[in-house]
C-alpha cells in the first residue's frame, strides 16, 4: 500500500483573522531562533515567520491583513502580490 502525503494548505480556516483582528503566532513554527531575515514588508530584521515561512513581523502582517482582507482570506500575502518583482527594484 502506497501512502501519499497531502500537501499542507498554505492557509487553514481560522488562521487569518478578520480585519483589525490579531494573529495567533504562539506556535514555534512562527519563530526562527537561529536567524533573522528582512521582513517582507518593512525590511527590518525579524525572527518571526508567516504561515508560509516568510520573514515578517507579526504587527506588519496584521497591518497588511487589515489593508488587504480579500487577498488575505484567499491565502495570499504581501509578497505574493508583488510576483516578479525583486527586492530593491524600485526605480522609475
PDB file of N, CA and C in Angstrom:
ATOM      1  N   UNK A   1       0.836  -1.177   0.000  1.00  0.00           N
ATOM      2  CA  UNK A   1       0.000   0.000   0.000  1.00  0.00           C
ATOM      3  C   UNK A   1       0.883   1.243   0.000  1.00  0.00           C
ATOM      4  N   UNK A   2       0.662   2.129  -0.929  1.00  0.00           N
ATOM      5  CA  UNK A   2       1.453   3.338  -1.047  1.00  0.00           C
ATOM      6  C   UNK A   2       0.744   4.496  -0.367  1.00  0.00           C
ATOM      7  N   UNK A   3       1.475   5.198   0.440  1.00  0.00           N
ATOM      8  CA  UNK A   3       0.919   6.379   1.097  1.00  0.00           C
ATOM      9  C   UNK A   3       1.347   7.627   0.339  1.00  0.00           C
ATOM     10  N   UNK A   4       0.431   8.513   0.181  1.00  0.00           N
ATOM     11  CA  UNK A   4       0.781   9.799  -0.417  1.00  0.00           C
ATOM     12  C   UNK A   4       0.545  10.863   0.622  1.00  0.00           C
ATOM     13  N   UNK A   5       1.490  11.704   0.747  1.00  0.00           N
ATOM     14  CA  UNK A   5       1.355  12.789   1.707  1.00  0.00           C
ATOM     15  C   UNK A   5       0.702  13.968   1.025  1.00  0.00           C
ATOM     16  N   UNK A   6      -0.395  14.386   1.599  1.00  0.00           N
ATOM     17  CA  UNK A   6      -1.067  15.560   1.057  1.00  0.00           C
ATOM     18  C   UNK A   6      -0.284  16.809   1.419  1.00  0.00           C
ATOM     19  N   UNK A   7      -0.243  17.713   0.513  1.00  0.00           N
ATOM     20  CA  UNK A   7       0.451  18.961   0.764  1.00  0.00           C
ATOM     21  C   UNK A   7      -0.390  19.799   1.723  1.00  0.00           C
ATOM     22  N   UNK A   8       0.234  20.305   2.774  1.00  0.00           N
ATOM     23  CA  UNK A   8      -0.478  21.100   3.752  1.00  0.00           C
ATOM     24  C   UNK A   8      -0.918  22.410   3.103  1.00  0.00           C
ATOM     25  N   UNK A   9      -2.202  22.767   3.222  1.00  0.00           N
ATOM     26  CA  UNK A   9      -2.650  24.020   2.621  1.00  0.00           C
ATOM     27  C   UNK A   9      -1.933  25.199   3.259  1.00  0.00           C
ATOM     28  N   UNK A  10      -1.666  26.247   2.470  1.00  0.00           N
ATOM     29  CA  UNK A  10      -0.945  27.398   2.999  1.00  0.00           C
ATOM     30  C   UNK A  10      -1.769  28.169   4.015  1.00  0.00           C
ATOM     31  N   UNK A  11      -3.085  28.044   3.938  1.00  0.00           N
ATOM     32  CA  UNK A  11      -3.947  28.738   4.880  1.00  0.00           C
ATOM     33  C   UNK A  11      -5.000  27.770   5.388  1.00  0.00           C
ATOM     34  N   UNK A  12      -5.087  27.649   6.679  1.00  0.00           N
ATOM     35  CA  UNK A  12      -6.122  26.828   7.279  1.00  0.00           C
ATOM     36  C   UNK A  12      -7.208  27.745   7.808  1.00  0.00           C
ATOM     37  N   UNK A  13      -8.462  27.297   7.783  1.00  0.00           N
ATOM     38  CA  UNK A  13      -9.539  28.132   8.313  1.00  0.00           C
ATOM     39  C   UNK A  13      -9.225  28.569   9.743  1.00  0.00           C
ATOM     40  N   UNK A  14      -9.444  29.829  10.008  1.00  0.00           N
ATOM     41  CA  UNK A  14      -9.204  30.349  11.344  1.00  0.00           C
ATOM     42  C   UNK A  14      -7.833  30.955  11.540  1.00  0.00           C
ATOM     43  N   UNK A  15      -6.890  30.722  10.610  1.00  0.00           N
ATOM     44  CA  UNK A  15      -5.555  31.294  10.760  1.00  0.00           C
ATOM     45  C   UNK A  15      -5.528  32.786  10.451  1.00  0.00           C
ATOM     46  N   UNK A  16      -6.360  33.213   9.527  1.00  0.00           N
ATOM     47  CA  UNK A  16      -6.374  34.616   9.129  1.00  0.00           C
ATOM     48  C   UNK A  16      -7.487  35.320   9.894  1.00  0.00           C
ATOM     49  N   UNK A  17      -7.126  36.285  10.719  1.00  0.00           N
ATOM     50  CA  UNK A  17      -8.155  36.988  11.487  1.00  0.00           C
ATOM     51  C   UNK A  17      -8.941  37.950  10.607  1.00  0.00           C
ATOM     52  N   UNK A  18     -10.075  38.366  11.096  1.00  0.00           N
ATOM     53  CA  UNK A  18     -10.822  39.391  10.378  1.00  0.00           C
ATOM     54  C   UNK A  18     -10.018  40.690  10.456  1.00  0.00           C
ATOM     55  N   UNK A  19     -10.271  41.635   9.533  1.00  0.00           N
ATOM     56  CA  UNK A  19      -9.524  42.897   9.564  1.00  0.00           C
ATOM     57  C   UNK A  19      -9.587  43.539  10.947  1.00  0.00           C
ATOM     58  N   UNK A  20      -8.440  43.926  11.455  1.00  0.00           N
ATOM     59  CA  UNK A  20      -8.358  44.518  12.790  1.00  0.00           C
ATOM     60  C   UNK A  20      -8.138  43.477  13.874  1.00  0.00           C
ATOM     61  N   UNK A  21      -8.240  42.192  13.526  1.00  0.00           N
ATOM     62  CA  UNK A  21      -8.020  41.112  14.488  1.00  0.00           C
ATOM     63  C   UNK A  21      -6.538  40.830  14.643  1.00  0.00           C
ATOM     64  N   UNK A  22      -6.206  39.985  15.606  1.00  0.00           N
ATOM     65  CA  UNK A  22      -4.809  39.660  15.873  1.00  0.00           C
ATOM     66  C   UNK A  22      -4.497  38.227  15.452  1.00  0.00           C
ATOM     67  N   UNK A  23      -3.300  38.027  14.924  1.00  0.00           N
ATOM     68  CA  UNK A  23      -2.825  36.692  14.560  1.00  0.00           C
ATOM     69  C   UNK A  23      -2.411  35.940  15.816  1.00  0.00           C
ATOM     70  N   UNK A  24      -2.606  34.642  15.829  1.00  0.00           N
ATOM     71  CA  UNK A  24      -2.172  33.794  16.936  1.00  0.00           C
ATOM     72  C   UNK A  24      -0.902  33.083  16.483  1.00  0.00           C
ATOM     73  N   UNK A  25       0.244  33.636  16.854  1.00  0.00           N
ATOM     74  CA  UNK A  25       1.531  33.090  16.444  1.00  0.00           C
ATOM     75  C   UNK A  25       2.288  32.517  17.638  1.00  0.00           C
ATOM     76  N   UNK A  26       1.582  31.870  18.566  1.00  0.00           N
ATOM     77  CA  UNK A  26       2.243  31.266  19.719  1.00  0.00           C
ATOM     78  C   UNK A  26       2.972  29.984  19.349  1.00  0.00           C
ATOM     79  N   UNK A  27       2.616  29.369  18.250  1.00  0.00           N
ATOM     80  CA  UNK A  27       3.245  28.130  17.798  1.00  0.00           C
ATOM     81  C   UNK A  27       4.700  28.400  17.402  1.00  0.00           C
ATOM     82  N   UNK A  28       5.568  27.461  17.670  1.00  0.00           N
ATOM     83  CA  UNK A  28       7.004  27.612  17.381  1.00  0.00           C
ATOM     84  C   UNK A  28       7.312  27.776  15.898  1.00  0.00           C
ATOM     85  N   UNK A  29       6.412  27.352  15.004  1.00  0.00           N
ATOM     86  CA  UNK A  29       6.678  27.480  13.562  1.00  0.00           C
ATOM     87  C   UNK A  29       6.790  28.940  13.130  1.00  0.00           C
ATOM     88  N   UNK A  30       6.315  29.852  13.957  1.00  0.00           N
ATOM     89  CA  UNK A  30       6.356  31.270  13.613  1.00  0.00           C
ATOM     90  C   UNK A  30       7.602  31.977  14.142  1.00  0.00           C
ATOM     91  N   UNK A  31       8.562  31.224  14.635  1.00  0.00           N
ATOM     92  CA  UNK A  31       9.760  31.832  15.209  1.00  0.00           C
ATOM     93  C   UNK A  31      10.990  31.045  14.790  1.00  0.00           C
ATOM     94  N   UNK A  32      11.964  31.745  14.227  1.00  0.00           N
ATOM     95  CA  UNK A  32      13.240  31.135  13.849  1.00  0.00           C
ATOM     96  C   UNK A  32      14.284  31.609  14.855  1.00  0.00           C
ATOM     97  N   UNK A  33      14.641  30.742  15.772  1.00  0.00           N
ATOM     98  CA  UNK A  33      15.560  31.167  16.830  1.00  0.00           C
ATOM     99  C   UNK A  33      17.008  31.241  16.367  1.00  0.00           C
ATOM    100  N   UNK A  34      17.281  30.820  15.147  1.00  0.00           N
ATOM    101  CA  UNK A  34      18.653  30.792  14.665  1.00  0.00           C
ATOM    102  C   UNK A  34      19.033  31.977  13.809  1.00  0.00           C
ATOM    103  N   UNK A  35      18.072  32.544  13.073  1.00  0.00           N
ATOM    104  CA  UNK A  35      18.465  33.568  12.109  1.00  0.00           C
ATOM    105  C   UNK A  35      17.349  34.585  11.862  1.00  0.00           C
ATOM    106  N   UNK A  36      17.715  35.848  11.862  1.00  0.00           N
ATOM    107  CA  UNK A  36      16.796  36.916  11.473  1.00  0.00           C
ATOM    108  C   UNK A  36      16.931  37.151   9.970  1.00  0.00           C
ATOM    109  N   UNK A  37      15.830  37.481   9.334  1.00  0.00           N
ATOM    110  CA  UNK A  37      15.818  37.832   7.918  1.00  0.00           C
ATOM    111  C   UNK A  37      15.038  39.129   7.768  1.00  0.00           C
ATOM    112  N   UNK A  38      15.235  39.864   6.677  1.00  0.00           N
ATOM    113  CA  UNK A  38      14.482  41.103   6.476  1.00  0.00           C
ATOM    114  C   UNK A  38      12.984  40.808   6.340  1.00  0.00           C
ATOM    115  N   UNK A  39      12.182  41.599   7.021  1.00  0.00           N
ATOM    116  CA  UNK A  39      10.729  41.481   6.948  1.00  0.00           C
ATOM    117  C   UNK A  39      10.287  41.725   5.507  1.00  0.00           C
ATOM    118  N   UNK A  40       9.335  40.933   5.035  1.00  0.00           N
ATOM    119  CA  UNK A  40       8.822  41.068   3.669  1.00  0.00           C
ATOM    120  C   UNK A  40       8.110  42.402   3.458  1.00  0.00           C
ATOM    121  N   UNK A  41       7.756  43.083   4.547  1.00  0.00           N
ATOM    122  CA  UNK A  41       7.015  44.335   4.422  1.00  0.00           C
ATOM    123  C   UNK A  41       7.820  45.580   4.768  1.00  0.00           C
ATOM    124  N   UNK A  42       8.653  45.514   5.804  1.00  0.00           N
ATOM    125  CA  UNK A  42       9.376  46.729   6.224  1.00  0.00           C
ATOM    126  C   UNK A  42      10.890  46.632   6.071  1.00  0.00           C
ATOM    127  N   UNK A  43      11.407  45.475   5.710  1.00  0.00           N
ATOM    128  CA  UNK A  43      12.841  45.222   5.503  1.00  0.00           C
ATOM    129  C   UNK A  43      13.697  45.253   6.772  1.00  0.00           C
ATOM    130  N   UNK A  44      13.112  45.423   7.955  1.00  0.00           N
ATOM    131  CA  UNK A  44      13.894  45.348   9.190  1.00  0.00           C
ATOM    132  C   UNK A  44      14.017  43.881   9.596  1.00  0.00           C
ATOM    133  N   UNK A  45      15.127  43.489  10.221  1.00  0.00           N
ATOM    134  CA  UNK A  45      15.340  42.086  10.585  1.00  0.00           C
ATOM    135  C   UNK A  45      14.267  41.572  11.550  1.00  0.00           C
ATOM    136  N   UNK A  46      13.891  40.313  11.369  1.00  0.00           N
ATOM    137  CA  UNK A  46      12.915  39.678  12.265  1.00  0.00           C
ATOM    138  C   UNK A  46      13.133  38.177  12.328  1.00  0.00           C
ATOM    139  N   UNK A  47      12.932  37.589  13.517  1.00  0.00           N
ATOM    140  CA  UNK A  47      12.961  36.134  13.642  1.00  0.00           C
ATOM    141  C   UNK A  47      11.574  35.530  13.385  1.00  0.00           C
ATOM    142  N   UNK A  48      10.555  36.370  13.219  1.00  0.00           N
ATOM    143  CA  UNK A  48       9.186  35.901  13.036  1.00  0.00           C
ATOM    144  C   UNK A  48       8.977  35.389  11.610  1.00  0.00           C
ATOM    145  N   UNK A  49       8.085  34.391  11.463  1.00  0.00           N
ATOM    146  CA  UNK A  49       7.784  33.814  10.157  1.00  0.00           C
ATOM    147  C   UNK A  49       6.272  33.700   9.989  1.00  0.00           C
ATOM    148  N   UNK A  50       5.809  33.952   8.771  1.00  0.00           N
ATOM    149  CA  UNK A  50       4.386  33.830   8.456  1.00  0.00           C
ATOM    150  C   UNK A  50       3.997  32.360   8.394  1.00  0.00           C
ATOM    151  N   UNK A  51       2.722  32.101   8.130  1.00  0.00           N
ATOM    152  CA  UNK A  51       2.236  30.726   7.989  1.00  0.00           C
ATOM    153  C   UNK A  51       2.945  29.995   6.854  1.00  0.00           C
ATOM    154  N   UNK A  52       3.450  30.759   5.870  1.00  0.00           N
ATOM    155  CA  UNK A  52       4.153  30.165   4.729  1.00  0.00           C
ATOM    156  C   UNK A  52       5.668  30.198   4.907  1.00  0.00           C
ATOM    157  N   UNK A  53       6.142  30.620   6.088  1.00  0.00           N
ATOM    158  CA  UNK A  53       7.571  30.631   6.363  1.00  0.00           C
ATOM    159  C   UNK A  53       8.291  31.896   5.939  1.00  0.00           C
ATOM    160  N   UNK A  54       7.539  32.899   5.499  1.00  0.00           N
ATOM    161  CA  UNK A  54       8.167  34.157   5.095  1.00  0.00           C
ATOM    162  C   UNK A  54       8.542  34.979   6.317  1.00  0.00           C
ATOM    163  N   UNK A  55       9.689  35.654   6.284  1.00  0.00           N
ATOM    164  CA  UNK A  55      10.045  36.517   7.404  1.00  0.00           C
ATOM    165  C   UNK A  55       9.150  37.757   7.413  1.00  0.00           C
ATOM    166  N   UNK A  56       8.461  37.982   8.518  1.00  0.00           N
ATOM    167  CA  UNK A  56       7.579  39.137   8.637  1.00  0.00           C
ATOM    168  C   UNK A  56       7.260  39.368  10.109  1.00  0.00           C
ATOM    169  N   UNK A  57       7.255  40.630  10.514  1.00  0.00           N
ATOM    170  CA  UNK A  57       6.837  40.949  11.876  1.00  0.00           C
ATOM    171  C   UNK A  57       5.343  40.684  12.011  1.00  0.00           C
ATOM    172  N   UNK A  58       4.928  40.236  13.157  1.00  0.00           N
ATOM    173  CA  UNK A  58       3.511  39.961  13.401  1.00  0.00           C
ATOM    174  C   UNK A  58       2.693  41.233  13.199  1.00  0.00           C
ATOM    175  N   UNK A  59       3.180  42.350  13.701  1.00  0.00           N
ATOM    176  CA  UNK A  59       2.441  43.609  13.556  1.00  0.00           C
ATOM    177  C   UNK A  59       2.369  44.048  12.096  1.00  0.00           C
ATOM    178  N   UNK A  60       3.427  43.813  11.325  1.00  0.00           N
ATOM    179  CA  UNK A  60       3.402  44.142   9.897  1.00  0.00           C
ATOM    180  C   UNK A  60       2.366  43.283   9.176  1.00  0.00           C
ATOM    181  N   UNK A  61       2.329  41.987   9.507  1.00  0.00           N
ATOM    182  CA  UNK A  61       1.367  41.080   8.878  1.00  0.00           C
ATOM    183  C   UNK A  61      -0.066  41.481   9.224  1.00  0.00           C
ATOM    184  N   UNK A  62      -0.311  41.832  10.475  1.00  0.00           N
ATOM    185  CA  UNK A  62      -1.657  42.238  10.890  1.00  0.00           C
ATOM    186  C   UNK A  62      -2.086  43.520  10.189  1.00  0.00           C
ATOM    187  N   UNK A  63      -1.172  44.462  10.021  1.00  0.00           N
ATOM    188  CA  UNK A  63      -1.474  45.702   9.309  1.00  0.00           C
ATOM    189  C   UNK A  63      -1.795  45.415   7.848  1.00  0.00           C
ATOM    190  N   UNK A  64      -1.008  44.511   7.228  1.00  0.00           N
ATOM    191  CA  UNK A  64      -1.257  44.165   5.832  1.00  0.00           C
ATOM    192  C   UNK A  64      -2.606  43.470   5.674  1.00  0.00           C
ATOM    193  N   UNK A  65      -2.943  42.566   6.590  1.00  0.00           N
ATOM    194  CA  UNK A  65      -4.228  41.865   6.535  1.00  0.00           C
ATOM    195  C   UNK A  65      -5.378  42.860   6.648  1.00  0.00           C
ATOM    196  N   UNK A  66      -5.250  43.833   7.543  1.00  0.00           N
ATOM    197  CA  UNK A  66      -6.305  44.836   7.710  1.00  0.00           C
ATOM    198  C   UNK A  66      -6.487  45.655   6.433  1.00  0.00           C
ATOM    199  N   UNK A  67      -5.400  45.921   5.719  1.00  0.00           N
ATOM    200  CA  UNK A  67      -5.469  46.719   4.492  1.00  0.00           C
ATOM    201  C   UNK A  67      -5.844  45.876   3.268  1.00  0.00           C
ATOM    202  N   UNK A  68      -5.666  44.560   3.330  1.00  0.00           N
ATOM    203  CA  UNK A  68      -5.910  43.664   2.193  1.00  0.00           C
ATOM    204  C   UNK A  68      -6.692  42.425   2.629  1.00  0.00           C
ATOM    205  N   UNK A  69      -7.886  42.584   3.192  1.00  0.00           N
ATOM    206  CA  UNK A  69      -8.611  41.430   3.741  1.00  0.00           C
ATOM    207  C   UNK A  69      -9.001  40.367   2.721  1.00  0.00           C
ATOM    208  N   UNK A  70      -9.347  40.774   1.509  1.00  0.00           N
ATOM    209  CA  UNK A  70      -9.761  39.794   0.496  1.00  0.00           C
ATOM    210  C   UNK A  70      -8.583  38.907   0.112  1.00  0.00           C
ATOM    211  N   UNK A  71      -7.431  39.515  -0.183  1.00  0.00           N
ATOM    212  CA  UNK A  71      -6.245  38.739  -0.550  1.00  0.00           C
ATOM    213  C   UNK A  71      -5.823  37.822   0.596  1.00  0.00           C
ATOM    214  N   UNK A  72      -5.913  38.321   1.822  1.00  0.00           N
ATOM    215  CA  UNK A  72      -5.519  37.525   2.987  1.00  0.00           C
ATOM    216  C   UNK A  72      -6.419  36.301   3.126  1.00  0.00           C
ATOM    217  N   UNK A  73      -7.719  36.471   2.960  1.00  0.00           N
ATOM    218  CA  UNK A  73      -8.653  35.345   3.081  1.00  0.00           C
ATOM    219  C   UNK A  73      -8.464  34.332   1.951  1.00  0.00           C
ATOM    220  N   UNK A  74      -7.933  34.765   0.827  1.00  0.00           N
ATOM    221  CA  UNK A  74      -7.669  33.862  -0.289  1.00  0.00           C
ATOM    222  C   UNK A  74      -6.332  33.140  -0.133  1.00  0.00           C
ATOM    223  N   UNK A  75      -5.625  33.417   0.956  1.00  0.00           N
ATOM    224  CA  UNK A  75      -4.361  32.740   1.208  1.00  0.00           C
ATOM    225  C   UNK A  75      -3.164  33.458   0.638  1.00  0.00           C
ATOM    226  N   UNK A  76      -3.362  34.678   0.170  1.00  0.00           N
ATOM    227  CA  UNK A  76      -2.236  35.439  -0.373  1.00  0.00           C
ATOM    228  C   UNK A  76      -1.600  36.232   0.745  1.00  0.00           C
ATOM    229  N   UNK A  77      -0.397  36.690   0.480  1.00  0.00           N
ATOM    230  CA  UNK A  77       0.300  37.535   1.444  1.00  0.00           C
ATOM    231  C   UNK A  77       0.986  38.650   0.677  1.00  0.00           C
ATOM    232  N   UNK A  78       1.504  39.606   1.385  1.00  0.00           N
ATOM    233  CA  UNK A  78       2.095  40.794   0.774  1.00  0.00           C
ATOM    234  C   UNK A  78       3.102  40.458  -0.312  1.00  0.00           C
ATOM    235  N   UNK A  79       3.975  39.513  -0.071  1.00  0.00           N
ATOM    236  CA  UNK A  79       4.992  39.188  -1.067  1.00  0.00           C
ATOM    237  C   UNK A  79       4.388  38.483  -2.275  1.00  0.00           C
ATOM    238  N   UNK A  80       3.219  37.856  -2.123  1.00  0.00           N
ATOM    239  CA  UNK A  80       2.557  37.208  -3.250  1.00  0.00           C
ATOM    240  C   UNK A  80       2.037  38.243  -4.247  1.00  0.00           C
ATOM    241  N   UNK A  81       1.650  39.402  -3.755  1.00  0.00           N
ATOM    242  CA  UNK A  81       1.081  40.444  -4.598  1.00  0.00           C
ATOM    243  C   UNK A  81       2.124  40.990  -5.560  1.00  0.00           C
ATOM    244  N   UNK A  82       3.388  40.955  -5.167  1.00  0.00           N
ATOM    245  CA  UNK A  82       4.455  41.529  -5.967  1.00  0.00           C
ATOM    246  C   UNK A  82       5.184  40.465  -6.779  1.00  0.00           C
ATOM    247  N   UNK A  83       4.464  39.538  -7.344  1.00  0.00           N
ATOM    248  CA  UNK A  83       5.076  38.458  -8.118  1.00  0.00           C
ATOM    249  C   UNK A  83       5.916  39.053  -9.249  1.00  0.00           C
ATOM    250  N   UNK A  84       7.126  38.547  -9.376  1.00  0.00           N
ATOM    251  CA  UNK A  84       8.005  39.004 -10.450  1.00  0.00           C
ATOM    252  C   UNK A  84       8.806  40.242 -10.092  1.00  0.00           C
ATOM    253  N   UNK A  85       8.553  40.807  -8.935  1.00  0.00           N
ATOM    254  CA  UNK A  85       9.293  41.999  -8.525  1.00  0.00           C
ATOM    255  C   UNK A  85      10.411  41.589  -7.587  1.00  0.00           C
ATOM    256  N   UNK A  86      11.578  42.124  -7.810  1.00  0.00           N
ATOM    257  CA  UNK A  86      12.723  41.804  -6.972  1.00  0.00           C
ATOM    258  C   UNK A  86      12.907  42.889  -5.920  1.00  0.00           C
ATOM    259  N   UNK A  87      13.415  42.477  -4.775  1.00  0.00           N
ATOM    260  CA  UNK A  87      13.719  43.426  -3.701  1.00  0.00           C
ATOM    261  C   UNK A  87      14.725  44.454  -4.235  1.00  0.00           C
ATOM    262  N   UNK A  88      14.452  45.709  -4.000  1.00  0.00           N
ATOM    263  CA  UNK A  88      15.336  46.759  -4.469  1.00  0.00           C
ATOM    264  C   UNK A  88      15.027  47.224  -5.877  1.00  0.00           C
ATOM    265  N   UNK A  89      14.013  46.640  -6.491  1.00  0.00           N
ATOM    266  CA  UNK A  89      13.646  47.016  -7.858  1.00  0.00           C
ATOM    267  C   UNK A  89      12.591  48.110  -7.795  1.00  0.00           C
ATOM    268  N   UNK A  90      13.020  49.304  -7.355  1.00  0.00           N
ATOM    269  CA  UNK A  90      12.064  50.380  -7.158  1.00  0.00           C
ATOM    270  C   UNK A  90      12.386  51.613  -8.015  1.00  0.00           C
ATOM    271  N   UNK A  91      13.115  51.410  -9.086  1.00  0.00           N
ATOM    272  CA  UNK A  91      13.460  52.540  -9.942  1.00  0.00           C
ATOM    273  C   UNK A  91      12.258  52.931 -10.784  1.00  0.00           C
ATOM    274  N   UNK A  92      12.252  54.154 -11.254  1.00  0.00           N
ATOM    275  CA  UNK A  92      11.125  54.661 -12.039  1.00  0.00           C
ATOM    276  C   UNK A  92      11.184  54.209 -13.477  1.00  0.00           C
TER     277      UNK A  92
END
